[in-house]
Amino acid sequence: MANVCDVLVRLLAQAGVKHIFGVPGDAINALTEALRHQDKIKFIHVNHEESGAFAASGQAKLTGRLGVCAGTAGPGAIHLLNGLYDAKCDRAPVLAITGQVETRFMGSAYQQEIDLHGLFKDVCVYNQVVMNPDHFPYIAVHAIQTAIERKGIAHISIPIDIAAKSVAHADKWQAHIPDMRVLPADLRNIDKAAELLNRHDRIAILAGIGCHGAADKIFALAEKLRAPIIHALRAKELFPESHPYSVGGLGNLGVKPATRVIERCDLLLMIGTNFPYTDFLPKHAKVVQIDGDPCQIGKRIPVDVPLVGDAGSIAELLLPTLKAKQKSAFLEEAQAAMKSWKAEMKRHVENGGSPIKPARLAYLVGEAASDTAIFVSDTGEVTAWVARYLQMRSGQRFTVSGMLATMAFGMGAAIGAKLAYPERQVIALVGDGGFSMLMTDFSTAVKYKLPMLIVVFNNRKLGMIQVEQEGRGLPDYETDLHNPDFAEFAKLCGGGGMRVTDPAALQSAIHAGLESDVPFVLDVLVDADEKIIPPVITLAQAVHYGMAKVKERIGS
């Protein structure tokens, strides 16, 4: 008769799960034993559970399918949390499986006993401790379906003694994987939205990752409305800057043309985005918002017309109701601004001087990548260089720790991406600070023979923290890093590596890394004094920066 963990593994395989990321431990021995006896799901032994949770989150973001990670009782479970919060904040479906001490010891402050139900309460949409083996199949099915349906975290905690117990009538249970729900829009609101859109001429579209699978329809809307498209960071893969209607990203990591469009628009059409930086949103424009989650409507800015439903379906309903606009001075001005920005960008990326410029590094990696490459960005100053200077092409993919913006996401997510898409090129663009946090999991990539390129933007400091300190008028304090030679580290792990200091060697080094048949670290020493400048600098920022530099000079 099947035990609890046998049933769990069968249900996860039925749900399409291919990998479980984690670290073995005594409290999950029954789970790893169940995995040992089948061949549909592979257990990926990472060096740190946080990396495993990042891998599960990265897989879920890129595939839309359930990601799974596991940790033993106590410390193993605790280590999962940062990666789980990343998935929660970016609405990625992930199941966390944790072990727990035997039920007879629960509540007695036993070794490694943690209140896991309480610990996971905030991060989860579903959270249960299994206390009855015959009740377990219901819990497992409900956890899987809730995580997928609600795009969130489900957590199952299984005490050691429960995990190995037999389950009655286990075979009758199966997980019914919900299809993506298409919520019908209120037709009255379609008419209201069309009336508003037809009345305005300076329309801007702000599009997010909720437009996945519907980019062609959003471009069709833009063409009919003569509306420039601005993308949120995670939607960089959907709206490449090469498209004539795309004017880049918004926010401190964004570009001037996008900021200018927002400032001048008289109507903002928000589609599938939870863009949080309200200072960059228009102050006086009318707003039409499309989102599949009604809770997101009006969350960031007052909305005149809400449209709840799938972005592509609502776009299809809207298109026939819209009057095709003719020549648009607003669009032409945005396109001219984008042309100027691209010329400015070209000057930056063509700067082959020494030290190596991070803008040039990001650009050259994008230029050398294959047409189906998957890019994973870590958090920090590297995110800004990637957001602005990595030029993506249609067919390429991109992911990042969006709302949580946690460091160390890059390595784990790249492992998850390569396992999900073994035939595709995977490139992680990471800062030296983020990479060094969990860099031992490079050996995990080596162990499982996952050729990928890790590009380290090595400026020997936490560059974004320095920018933020100085932006507040504070002197740079304790942002410097004492780094090893990351390329030598990669070789010691059994992978490939190259340290680059000579600008003339950069392009050939990138190609060598991309052509490697083992995981490869490209450790690039970039200009530590190169600053990422916001698209608009306020007077307060300029004053604070000046104050910080004075304090640094006089040692105050």
Protein backbone atom coordinates (compact mmCIF):
# COMPACT_ATOMS: atom_id res chain seq x y z
CA MET A 1 0.00 0.00 0.00
CA ALA A 2 1.30 3.49 -0.89
CA ASN A 3 2.44 5.76 1.92
CA VAL A 4 1.91 9.51 2.24
CA CYS A 5 5.04 10.46 0.29
CA ASP A 6 4.38 7.90 -2.45
CA VAL A 7 0.98 9.49 -2.98
CA LEU A 8 2.48 12.99 -2.99
CA VAL A 9 5.07 12.08 -5.63
CA ARG A 10 2.41 10.43 -7.83
CA LEU A 11 0.15 13.50 -7.63
CA LEU A 12 3.03 15.87 -8.39
CA ALA A 13 4.05 13.82 -11.44
CA GLN A 14 0.45 13.92 -12.58
CA ALA A 15 0.58 17.72 -12.25
CA GLY A 16 3.54 17.85 -14.64
CA VAL A 17 6.28 18.42 -12.04
CA LYS A 18 9.71 17.30 -13.29
CA HIS A 19 12.02 18.49 -10.51
CA ILE A 20 12.01 18.97 -6.73
CA PHE A 21 14.80 21.19 -5.41
CA GLY A 22 16.10 20.74 -1.90
CA VAL A 23 18.59 19.34 0.59
CA PRO A 24 18.03 15.82 1.98
CA GLY A 25 17.41 15.53 5.70
CA ASP A 26 16.07 13.05 8.21
CA ALA A 27 12.64 14.69 8.36
CA ILE A 28 12.14 14.23 4.59
CA ASN A 29 13.74 10.79 4.23
CA ALA A 30 10.37 9.29 3.28
CA LEU A 31 10.03 11.85 0.48
CA THR A 32 13.49 11.24 -1.00
CA GLU A 33 12.91 7.46 -0.70
CA ALA A 34 9.63 7.81 -2.62
CA LEU A 35 11.46 9.79 -5.30
CA ARG A 36 14.19 7.13 -5.51
CA HIS A 37 11.66 4.51 -6.58
CA GLN A 38 10.28 6.36 -9.63
CA ASP A 39 11.63 8.08 -12.73
CA LYS A 40 9.19 10.90 -13.50
CA ILE A 41 10.47 13.47 -10.99
CA LYS A 42 14.15 14.13 -10.30
CA PHE A 43 15.33 15.38 -6.92
CA ILE A 44 17.87 18.16 -7.46
CA HIS A 45 20.18 18.33 -4.46
CA VAL A 46 21.20 21.98 -4.06
CA ASN A 47 23.79 23.20 -1.56
CA HIS A 48 21.40 25.64 0.11
CA GLU A 49 17.62 25.43 0.37
CA GLU A 50 17.33 29.11 -0.56
CA SER A 51 18.88 28.29 -3.95
CA GLY A 52 16.35 25.48 -4.30
CA ALA A 53 13.46 27.83 -3.66
CA PHE A 54 14.89 30.31 -6.19
CA ALA A 55 15.17 27.47 -8.72
CA ALA A 56 11.54 26.50 -8.14
CA SER A 57 10.45 30.14 -8.38
CA GLY A 58 12.45 30.72 -11.56
CA GLN A 59 10.95 27.63 -13.18
CA ALA A 60 7.43 28.67 -12.21
CA LYS A 61 7.89 32.21 -13.57
CA LEU A 62 9.25 31.00 -16.91
CA THR A 63 6.94 28.01 -17.48
CA GLY A 64 3.76 29.00 -15.65
CA ARG A 65 3.75 25.49 -14.19
CA LEU A 66 4.09 24.41 -10.56
CA GLY A 67 7.59 24.70 -9.08
CA VAL A 68 8.46 22.51 -6.08
CA CYS A 69 11.09 22.78 -3.36
CA ALA A 70 11.67 20.86 -0.14
CA GLY A 71 13.44 21.25 3.17
CA THR A 72 13.81 19.24 6.33
CA ALA A 73 12.41 20.32 9.69
CA GLY A 74 13.65 23.46 11.42
CA PRO A 75 16.61 25.11 9.65
CA GLY A 76 15.97 23.49 6.26
CA ALA A 77 12.43 24.81 6.18
CA ILE A 78 13.52 28.27 7.34
CA HIS A 79 16.08 28.50 4.53
CA LEU A 80 13.33 28.17 1.91
CA LEU A 81 11.55 31.35 2.89
CA ASN A 82 13.41 34.01 0.90
CA GLY A 83 12.90 32.13 -2.35
CA LEU A 84 9.26 31.50 -1.48
CA TYR A 85 8.66 35.19 -0.83
CA ASP A 86 10.21 35.93 -4.22
CA ALA A 87 7.65 33.61 -5.82
CA LYS A 88 4.82 35.08 -3.74
CA CYS A 89 5.67 38.65 -4.70
CA ASP A 90 5.86 37.77 -8.41
CA ARG A 91 2.76 35.54 -8.26
CA ALA A 92 4.50 32.32 -9.28
CA PRO A 93 2.93 28.95 -8.31
CA VAL A 94 5.27 27.03 -5.98
CA LEU A 95 4.73 24.14 -3.56
CA ALA A 96 7.01 23.93 -0.52
CA ILE A 97 7.28 20.55 1.21
CA THR A 98 8.80 20.51 4.68
CA GLY A 99 9.48 17.77 7.17
CA GLN A 100 8.47 18.04 10.83
CA VAL A 101 9.37 16.21 14.04
CA GLU A 102 7.23 13.24 15.05
CA THR A 103 3.74 14.13 16.22
CA ARG A 104 4.44 12.78 19.72
CA PHE A 105 7.15 15.43 20.15
CA MET A 106 5.30 18.40 18.66
CA GLY A 107 4.79 21.21 21.13
CA SER A 108 7.59 20.03 23.41
CA ALA A 109 10.39 22.32 22.12
CA TYR A 110 12.01 19.25 20.56
CA GLN A 111 15.26 19.52 18.61
CA GLN A 112 14.66 21.27 15.26
CA GLU A 113 10.98 21.75 16.09
CA ILE A 114 9.69 25.03 14.69
CA ASP A 115 6.08 26.16 14.40
CA LEU A 116 6.15 25.70 10.63
CA HIS A 117 2.46 26.44 10.18
CA GLY A 118 2.96 29.81 11.87
CA LEU A 119 6.26 30.44 10.10
CA PHE A 120 4.76 29.93 6.62
CA LYS A 121 1.43 31.61 7.34
CA ASP A 122 2.21 34.95 5.71
CA VAL A 123 3.87 33.60 2.56
CA CYS A 124 1.18 31.05 1.67
CA VAL A 125 -2.17 30.86 -0.06
CA TYR A 126 -2.49 27.32 1.33
CA ASN A 127 -0.75 26.04 4.48
CA GLN A 128 -1.33 22.73 6.25
CA VAL A 129 0.37 20.34 8.67
CA VAL A 130 -0.54 16.73 7.86
CA MET A 131 -1.90 14.93 10.94
CA ASN A 132 -3.89 12.09 9.37
CA PRO A 133 -2.55 9.92 6.50
CA ASP A 134 -6.00 9.14 5.12
CA HIS A 135 -6.76 12.86 4.95
CA PHE A 136 -3.48 13.57 3.17
CA PRO A 137 -4.57 13.07 -0.47
CA TYR A 138 -7.16 15.81 -0.06
CA ILE A 139 -4.51 18.13 1.37
CA ALA A 140 -2.07 17.37 -1.45
CA VAL A 141 -4.64 17.84 -4.21
CA HIS A 142 -5.91 21.06 -2.67
CA ALA A 143 -2.36 22.40 -2.20
CA ILE A 144 -1.40 21.73 -5.83
CA GLN A 145 -4.59 23.17 -7.29
CA THR A 146 -4.62 26.23 -5.02
CA ALA A 147 -1.01 27.15 -5.80
CA ILE A 148 -1.70 26.98 -9.54
CA GLU A 149 -5.12 28.62 -9.49
CA ARG A 150 -4.13 31.46 -7.15
CA LYS A 151 -0.56 31.82 -8.46
CA GLY A 152 0.92 31.59 -5.01
CA ILE A 153 2.71 29.45 -2.46
CA ALA A 154 1.27 26.27 -1.01
CA HIS A 155 3.01 24.61 1.94
CA ILE A 156 2.63 21.07 3.25
CA SER A 157 4.42 20.11 6.45
CA ILE A 158 4.67 16.33 7.04
CA PRO A 159 5.74 14.96 10.43
CA ILE A 160 8.24 12.08 10.23
CA ASP A 161 5.88 9.44 11.61
CA ILE A 162 3.02 10.49 9.29
CA ALA A 163 5.20 10.53 6.15
CA ALA A 164 5.73 6.76 6.08
CA LYS A 165 2.17 5.73 6.99
CA SER A 166 -0.03 3.97 4.48
CA VAL A 167 -2.91 5.78 2.78
CA ALA A 168 -6.23 4.01 2.25
CA HIS A 169 -7.77 4.21 -1.24
CA ALA A 170 -4.85 6.32 -2.45
CA ASP A 171 -5.33 5.44 -6.13
CA LYS A 172 -8.69 7.17 -6.45
CA TRP A 173 -7.17 10.61 -5.87
CA GLN A 174 -5.88 12.78 -8.69
CA ALA A 175 -4.95 16.44 -9.10
CA HIS A 176 -7.14 18.34 -11.57
CA ILE A 177 -4.90 21.04 -12.93
CA PRO A 178 -6.98 24.15 -13.59
CA ASP A 179 -6.66 25.85 -16.95
CA MET A 180 -5.89 29.56 -17.02
CA ARG A 181 -9.19 31.18 -16.19
CA VAL A 182 -10.40 33.82 -18.62
CA LEU A 183 -12.57 36.18 -16.62
CA PRO A 184 -15.32 37.76 -18.69
CA ALA A 185 -15.19 41.51 -18.83
CA ASP A 186 -18.25 43.62 -18.09
CA LEU A 187 -19.41 44.59 -21.59
CA ARG A 188 -20.63 47.94 -20.28
CA ASN A 189 -17.07 48.65 -19.21
CA ILE A 190 -15.78 47.66 -22.64
CA ASP A 191 -17.98 50.36 -24.10
CA LYS A 192 -16.91 52.86 -21.45
CA ALA A 193 -13.24 52.09 -22.07
CA ALA A 194 -13.69 52.40 -25.84
CA GLU A 195 -15.44 55.75 -25.46
CA LEU A 196 -12.61 57.07 -23.31
CA LEU A 197 -9.87 55.71 -25.58
CA ASN A 198 -11.56 57.12 -28.69
CA ARG A 199 -11.78 60.57 -27.08
CA HIS A 200 -8.09 60.93 -26.21
CA ASP A 201 -5.09 61.38 -28.47
CA ARG A 202 -2.09 61.21 -26.12
CA ILE A 203 -2.49 57.60 -24.97
CA ALA A 204 0.30 55.65 -23.31
CA ILE A 205 0.26 51.89 -22.68
CA LEU A 206 2.01 50.56 -19.58
CA ALA A 207 2.29 46.79 -19.99
CA GLY A 208 3.43 44.16 -17.50
CA ILE A 209 4.13 40.44 -17.36
CA GLY A 210 0.36 39.86 -17.21
CA CYS A 211 0.49 40.38 -20.99
CA HIS A 212 2.38 37.11 -21.44
CA GLY A 213 0.90 35.29 -24.41
CA ALA A 214 -0.90 38.43 -25.59
CA ALA A 215 1.93 40.71 -26.76
CA ASP A 216 0.75 40.60 -30.38
CA LYS A 217 -2.69 41.83 -29.32
CA ILE A 218 -1.19 44.62 -27.22
CA PHE A 219 0.89 45.71 -30.21
CA ALA A 220 -2.34 45.69 -32.28
CA LEU A 221 -3.97 47.98 -29.69
CA ALA A 222 -0.94 50.26 -29.79
CA GLU A 223 -1.06 50.48 -33.58
CA LYS A 224 -4.76 51.30 -33.67
CA LEU A 225 -4.44 53.90 -30.90
CA ARG A 226 -1.05 55.19 -32.09
CA ALA A 227 0.06 54.67 -28.49
CA PRO A 228 3.67 54.13 -27.38
CA ILE A 229 4.21 51.09 -25.15
CA ILE A 230 6.17 51.29 -21.90
CA HIS A 231 7.04 48.02 -20.20
CA ALA A 232 7.48 47.04 -16.57
CA LEU A 233 10.77 45.25 -15.90
CA ARG A 234 9.55 41.65 -16.05
CA ALA A 235 7.76 42.40 -19.34
CA LYS A 236 11.07 43.30 -21.00
CA GLU A 237 10.91 39.96 -22.82
CA LEU A 238 7.51 40.79 -24.34
CA PHE A 239 8.11 44.30 -25.69
CA PRO A 240 11.66 44.58 -27.08
CA GLU A 241 12.95 48.10 -27.62
CA SER A 242 13.51 47.28 -31.29
CA HIS A 243 9.74 47.47 -31.94
CA PRO A 244 8.69 50.90 -33.31
CA TYR A 245 5.97 51.30 -30.65
CA SER A 246 8.19 50.36 -27.70
CA VAL A 247 9.76 53.22 -25.71
CA GLY A 248 11.49 51.19 -22.99
CA GLY A 249 11.08 50.70 -19.28
CA LEU A 250 9.76 52.98 -16.55
CA GLY A 251 11.15 53.90 -13.14
CA ASN A 252 14.64 54.48 -11.82
CA LEU A 253 15.86 51.58 -13.95
CA GLY A 254 13.98 52.89 -16.97
CA VAL A 255 14.77 55.36 -19.74
CA LYS A 256 14.00 59.00 -20.50
CA PRO A 257 11.59 58.39 -23.42
CA ALA A 258 9.27 56.30 -21.22
CA THR A 259 9.33 58.90 -18.45
CA ARG A 260 8.58 61.66 -20.93
CA VAL A 261 5.63 59.73 -22.41
CA ILE A 262 4.10 59.25 -18.94
CA GLU A 263 4.52 62.94 -18.14
CA ARG A 264 2.73 64.02 -21.32
CA CYS A 265 -0.01 61.42 -21.77
CA ASP A 266 -3.63 62.33 -21.16
CA LEU A 267 -4.76 58.70 -20.84
CA LEU A 268 -2.86 55.74 -19.42
CA LEU A 269 -3.89 52.22 -20.43
CA MET A 270 -2.43 49.84 -17.83
CA ILE A 271 -2.41 46.18 -18.87
CA GLY A 272 -1.34 43.27 -16.69
CA THR A 273 0.95 45.26 -14.43
CA ASN A 274 1.33 45.87 -10.72
CA PHE A 275 3.93 48.62 -11.25
CA PRO A 276 4.58 49.86 -7.69
CA TYR A 277 6.52 53.11 -8.17
CA THR A 278 3.65 55.58 -8.06
CA ASP A 279 5.93 58.62 -8.34
CA PHE A 280 6.46 57.63 -11.98
CA LEU A 281 2.76 57.31 -12.79
CA PRO A 282 0.82 60.26 -14.28
CA LYS A 283 -0.78 62.75 -11.90
CA HIS A 284 -3.66 64.01 -14.04
CA ALA A 285 -4.30 61.50 -16.83
CA LYS A 286 -7.40 59.35 -17.17
CA VAL A 287 -6.71 55.67 -16.47
CA VAL A 288 -8.10 52.44 -17.97
CA GLN A 289 -6.76 49.32 -16.26
CA ILE A 290 -6.91 45.71 -17.46
CA ASP A 291 -6.01 42.95 -15.03
CA GLY A 292 -6.95 39.32 -14.47
CA ASP A 293 -7.07 39.87 -10.71
CA PRO A 294 -9.79 42.28 -9.56
CA CYS A 295 -7.76 42.98 -6.41
CA GLN A 296 -5.11 44.71 -8.55
CA ILE A 297 -7.52 47.24 -10.02
CA GLY A 298 -6.88 50.71 -8.59
CA LYS A 299 -4.13 49.41 -6.31
CA ARG A 300 -1.52 51.92 -7.48
CA ILE A 301 -3.46 54.78 -9.07
CA PRO A 302 -7.13 55.89 -9.26
CA VAL A 303 -8.83 54.14 -12.18
CA ASP A 304 -11.59 55.60 -14.35
CA VAL A 305 -12.56 52.37 -16.13
CA PRO A 306 -11.67 48.90 -14.79
CA LEU A 307 -11.60 45.84 -17.05
CA VAL A 308 -11.19 42.53 -15.24
CA GLY A 309 -10.05 39.57 -17.29
CA ASP A 310 -7.32 38.01 -19.39
CA ALA A 311 -5.26 40.67 -21.21
CA GLY A 312 -5.49 39.01 -24.61
CA SER A 313 -9.22 38.34 -24.44
CA ILE A 314 -10.05 41.89 -23.39
CA ALA A 315 -7.77 43.29 -26.08
CA GLU A 316 -9.74 41.25 -28.64
CA LEU A 317 -13.00 42.69 -27.30
CA LEU A 318 -11.63 46.23 -27.35
CA LEU A 319 -10.07 46.24 -30.81
CA PRO A 320 -13.30 46.29 -32.89
CA THR A 321 -14.72 49.13 -30.77
CA LEU A 322 -11.76 51.47 -31.30
CA LYS A 323 -11.47 54.06 -34.04
CA ALA A 324 -8.16 53.82 -35.84
CA LYS A 325 -6.24 57.00 -35.14
CA GLN A 326 -4.30 58.61 -37.96
CA LYS A 327 -0.98 60.43 -37.63
CA SER A 328 -0.07 61.07 -34.00
CA ALA A 329 2.33 63.83 -33.00
CA PHE A 330 2.46 62.24 -29.54
CA LEU A 331 3.69 58.91 -30.92
CA GLU A 332 6.12 60.59 -33.30
CA GLU A 333 7.64 62.62 -30.48
CA ALA A 334 8.03 59.44 -28.41
CA GLN A 335 9.67 57.64 -31.30
CA ALA A 336 12.05 60.57 -31.87
CA ALA A 337 12.95 60.54 -28.18
CA MET A 338 13.57 56.79 -28.40
CA LYS A 339 15.80 57.30 -31.44
CA SER A 340 17.84 59.87 -29.49
CA TRP A 341 18.06 57.53 -26.50
CA LYS A 342 19.31 54.69 -28.72
CA ALA A 343 21.98 56.99 -30.15
CA GLU A 344 23.04 57.91 -26.61
CA MET A 345 23.02 54.24 -25.63
CA LYS A 346 25.14 53.38 -28.64
CA ARG A 347 27.79 55.86 -27.49
CA HIS A 348 27.85 54.19 -24.07
CA VAL A 349 28.10 50.63 -25.36
CA GLU A 350 30.75 51.50 -27.93
CA ASN A 351 33.02 52.82 -25.21
CA GLY A 352 35.75 50.20 -25.34
CA GLY A 353 37.97 51.99 -22.86
CA SER A 354 39.42 50.66 -19.64
CA PRO A 355 38.11 49.72 -17.10
CA ILE A 356 35.34 47.77 -18.84
CA LYS A 357 32.03 49.63 -18.78
CA PRO A 358 29.10 47.65 -17.37
CA ALA A 359 26.77 49.07 -20.03
CA ARG A 360 29.02 47.64 -22.73
CA LEU A 361 29.17 44.28 -20.99
CA ALA A 362 25.36 43.99 -20.81
CA TYR A 363 25.01 45.01 -24.45
CA LEU A 364 27.67 42.61 -25.77
CA VAL A 365 26.22 39.65 -23.89
CA GLY A 366 22.83 40.35 -25.46
CA GLU A 367 24.37 40.74 -28.89
CA ALA A 368 26.20 37.41 -28.64
CA ALA A 369 23.29 35.40 -27.19
CA SER A 370 21.24 33.02 -29.29
CA ASP A 371 17.78 33.94 -30.57
CA THR A 372 16.18 31.64 -27.99
CA ALA A 373 18.38 32.54 -25.02
CA ILE A 374 16.94 32.82 -21.51
CA PHE A 375 18.34 35.68 -19.42
CA VAL A 376 18.16 35.68 -15.63
CA SER A 377 19.07 38.89 -13.84
CA ASP A 378 20.11 39.18 -10.22
CA THR A 379 19.28 42.17 -8.04
CA GLY A 380 21.51 45.19 -7.55
CA GLU A 381 23.23 47.66 -9.82
CA VAL A 382 23.43 44.83 -12.37
CA THR A 383 19.62 44.98 -12.70
CA ALA A 384 19.84 48.55 -13.91
CA TRP A 385 22.54 47.81 -16.50
CA VAL A 386 20.53 44.84 -17.74
CA ALA A 387 17.23 46.75 -17.78
CA ARG A 388 18.66 49.50 -19.97
CA TYR A 389 21.41 47.97 -22.06
CA LEU A 390 20.51 44.32 -22.63
CA GLN A 391 18.75 44.46 -25.99
CA MET A 392 16.37 41.54 -26.32
CA ARG A 393 14.99 39.93 -29.44
CA SER A 394 11.64 38.28 -30.03
CA GLY A 395 11.83 34.65 -28.92
CA GLN A 396 14.21 35.30 -26.05
CA ARG A 397 13.09 35.05 -22.42
CA PHE A 398 13.88 37.08 -19.30
CA THR A 399 13.17 36.83 -15.60
CA VAL A 400 14.23 38.60 -12.43
CA SER A 401 13.23 38.94 -8.79
CA GLY A 402 10.67 41.63 -9.52
CA MET A 403 8.69 42.77 -6.49
CA LEU A 404 10.90 41.28 -3.76
CA ALA A 405 14.09 42.34 -5.56
CA THR A 406 16.23 39.93 -3.57
CA MET A 407 19.91 39.40 -4.12
CA ALA A 408 21.17 35.86 -4.92
CA PHE A 409 18.18 35.03 -7.16
CA GLY A 410 20.28 34.67 -10.31
CA MET A 411 22.18 31.42 -9.75
CA GLY A 412 19.27 29.36 -8.42
CA ALA A 413 16.83 30.65 -11.03
CA ALA A 414 19.32 29.90 -13.80
CA ILE A 415 19.58 26.29 -12.58
CA GLY A 416 15.78 26.03 -12.62
CA ALA A 417 15.63 27.57 -16.09
CA LYS A 418 18.23 25.22 -17.57
CA LEU A 419 16.50 22.16 -16.15
CA ALA A 420 13.15 23.34 -17.53
CA TYR A 421 14.61 24.24 -20.94
CA PRO A 422 17.73 22.05 -21.42
CA GLU A 423 17.92 22.83 -25.14
CA ARG A 424 18.07 26.61 -24.65
CA GLN A 425 20.99 28.86 -23.82
CA VAL A 426 20.74 30.17 -20.24
CA ILE A 427 22.63 33.28 -19.18
CA ALA A 428 22.65 34.64 -15.64
CA LEU A 429 23.71 38.26 -15.27
CA VAL A 430 24.73 38.78 -11.66
CA GLY A 431 26.52 41.26 -9.44
CA ASP A 432 29.48 40.16 -7.36
CA GLY A 433 27.47 40.76 -4.17
CA GLY A 434 24.50 38.65 -5.19
CA PHE A 435 26.60 35.87 -6.72
CA SER A 436 28.86 35.52 -3.68
CA MET A 437 25.88 34.98 -1.37
CA LEU A 438 25.01 31.54 -2.78
CA MET A 439 27.84 30.88 -5.23
CA THR A 440 28.51 27.37 -3.89
CA ASP A 441 25.49 26.24 -5.91
CA PHE A 442 27.60 26.72 -9.01
CA SER A 443 28.81 23.22 -8.10
CA THR A 444 25.17 22.08 -8.35
CA ALA A 445 25.13 23.20 -11.98
CA VAL A 446 28.37 21.25 -12.51
CA LYS A 447 27.03 18.15 -10.73
CA TYR A 448 23.93 17.98 -12.93
CA LYS A 449 25.83 18.88 -16.12
CA LEU A 450 23.97 22.11 -16.82
CA PRO A 451 26.01 24.21 -19.26
CA MET A 452 25.12 27.86 -18.64
CA LEU A 453 26.92 31.16 -18.58
CA ILE A 454 27.19 33.16 -15.36
CA VAL A 455 28.35 36.71 -16.10
CA VAL A 456 29.60 38.47 -12.96
CA PHE A 457 29.55 42.28 -13.07
CA ASN A 458 32.43 42.56 -10.61
CA ASN A 459 32.76 46.14 -9.31
CA ARG A 460 34.06 45.01 -5.91
CA LYS A 461 31.20 46.64 -3.99
CA LEU A 462 27.46 46.76 -3.41
CA GLY A 463 27.04 49.43 -6.05
CA MET A 464 23.30 49.99 -5.72
CA ILE A 465 23.58 50.40 -1.95
CA GLN A 466 26.28 53.03 -2.45
CA VAL A 467 24.01 54.88 -4.90
CA GLU A 468 21.13 54.72 -2.41
CA GLN A 469 23.30 55.93 0.49
CA GLU A 470 24.62 58.86 -1.51
CA GLY A 471 21.15 59.62 -2.87
CA ARG A 472 20.11 60.28 0.74
CA GLY A 473 23.08 62.52 1.40
CA LEU A 474 24.98 59.82 3.29
CA PRO A 475 28.63 58.95 2.69
CA ASP A 476 29.50 55.56 1.24
CA TYR A 477 29.84 53.17 4.20
CA GLU A 478 30.74 49.45 4.25
CA THR A 479 29.68 48.73 0.68
CA ASP A 480 33.06 47.36 -0.42
CA LEU A 481 33.46 43.61 -1.04
CA HIS A 482 36.45 41.33 -0.57
CA ASN A 483 35.99 38.99 -3.53
CA PRO A 484 37.80 35.83 -4.53
CA ASP A 485 38.69 35.16 -8.14
CA PHE A 486 35.28 33.87 -9.25
CA ALA A 487 36.72 32.27 -12.41
CA GLU A 488 39.21 30.23 -10.39
CA PHE A 489 36.42 29.24 -8.03
CA ALA A 490 34.40 27.98 -11.01
CA LYS A 491 37.32 25.85 -12.16
CA LEU A 492 37.78 24.39 -8.67
CA CYS A 493 34.11 23.32 -8.83
CA GLY A 494 34.75 21.48 -12.08
CA GLY A 495 33.31 24.11 -14.39
CA GLY A 496 34.88 26.66 -16.69
CA GLY A 497 35.91 30.19 -15.89
CA MET A 498 37.67 33.25 -17.19
CA ARG A 499 38.52 36.56 -15.56
CA VAL A 500 38.39 39.54 -17.92
CA THR A 501 40.14 42.86 -17.25
CA ASP A 502 41.16 43.82 -20.80
CA PRO A 503 38.34 45.43 -22.83
CA ALA A 504 39.86 44.03 -26.01
CA ALA A 505 39.35 40.47 -24.73
CA LEU A 506 35.72 40.92 -23.69
CA GLN A 507 33.89 39.79 -26.83
CA SER A 508 35.98 36.66 -27.33
CA ALA A 509 35.55 35.78 -23.64
CA ILE A 510 31.75 36.06 -23.91
CA HIS A 511 31.74 33.75 -26.92
CA ALA A 512 34.01 31.27 -25.10
CA GLY A 513 31.58 31.20 -22.19
CA LEU A 514 28.57 30.70 -24.44
CA GLU A 515 30.27 27.88 -26.34
CA SER A 516 31.38 26.03 -23.20
CA ASP A 517 29.93 22.55 -22.65
CA VAL A 518 30.19 22.97 -18.86
CA PRO A 519 28.84 25.69 -16.55
CA PHE A 520 31.03 28.76 -17.05
CA VAL A 521 31.71 31.85 -14.93
CA LEU A 522 32.81 35.00 -16.72
CA ASP A 523 34.28 37.22 -13.99
CA VAL A 524 34.39 40.70 -15.53
CA LEU A 525 36.06 43.49 -13.59
CA VAL A 526 33.90 46.48 -14.51
CA ASP A 527 34.41 50.17 -13.81
CA ALA A 528 33.59 50.62 -10.11
CA ASP A 529 33.06 54.36 -10.60
CA GLU A 530 30.43 54.00 -13.32
CA LYS A 531 27.08 55.15 -11.94
CA ILE A 532 23.59 54.24 -13.05
CA ILE A 533 21.83 57.59 -13.46
CA PRO A 534 18.03 57.81 -13.00
CA PRO A 535 16.17 58.95 -16.14
CA VAL A 536 15.14 62.13 -14.30
CA ILE A 537 17.33 63.66 -11.58
CA THR A 538 15.49 65.74 -9.00
CA LEU A 539 17.03 68.75 -7.31
CA ALA A 540 16.89 66.91 -3.97
CA GLN A 541 18.84 63.96 -5.41
CA ALA A 542 21.50 66.26 -6.81
CA VAL A 543 21.87 68.11 -3.49
CA HIS A 544 22.03 64.87 -1.48
CA TYR A 545 24.65 63.42 -3.81
CA GLY A 546 26.77 66.54 -3.43
CA MET A 547 26.44 66.38 0.36
CA ALA A 548 27.48 62.72 0.35
CA LYS A 549 30.59 63.42 -1.72
CA VAL A 550 31.62 66.26 0.58
CA LYS A 551 31.23 63.98 3.63
CA GLU A 552 33.26 61.24 1.92
CA ARG A 553 36.03 63.70 1.09
CA ILE A 554 36.34 65.19 4.57
CA GLY A 555 35.67 61.90 6.36
CA SER A 556 32.61 63.21 8.20
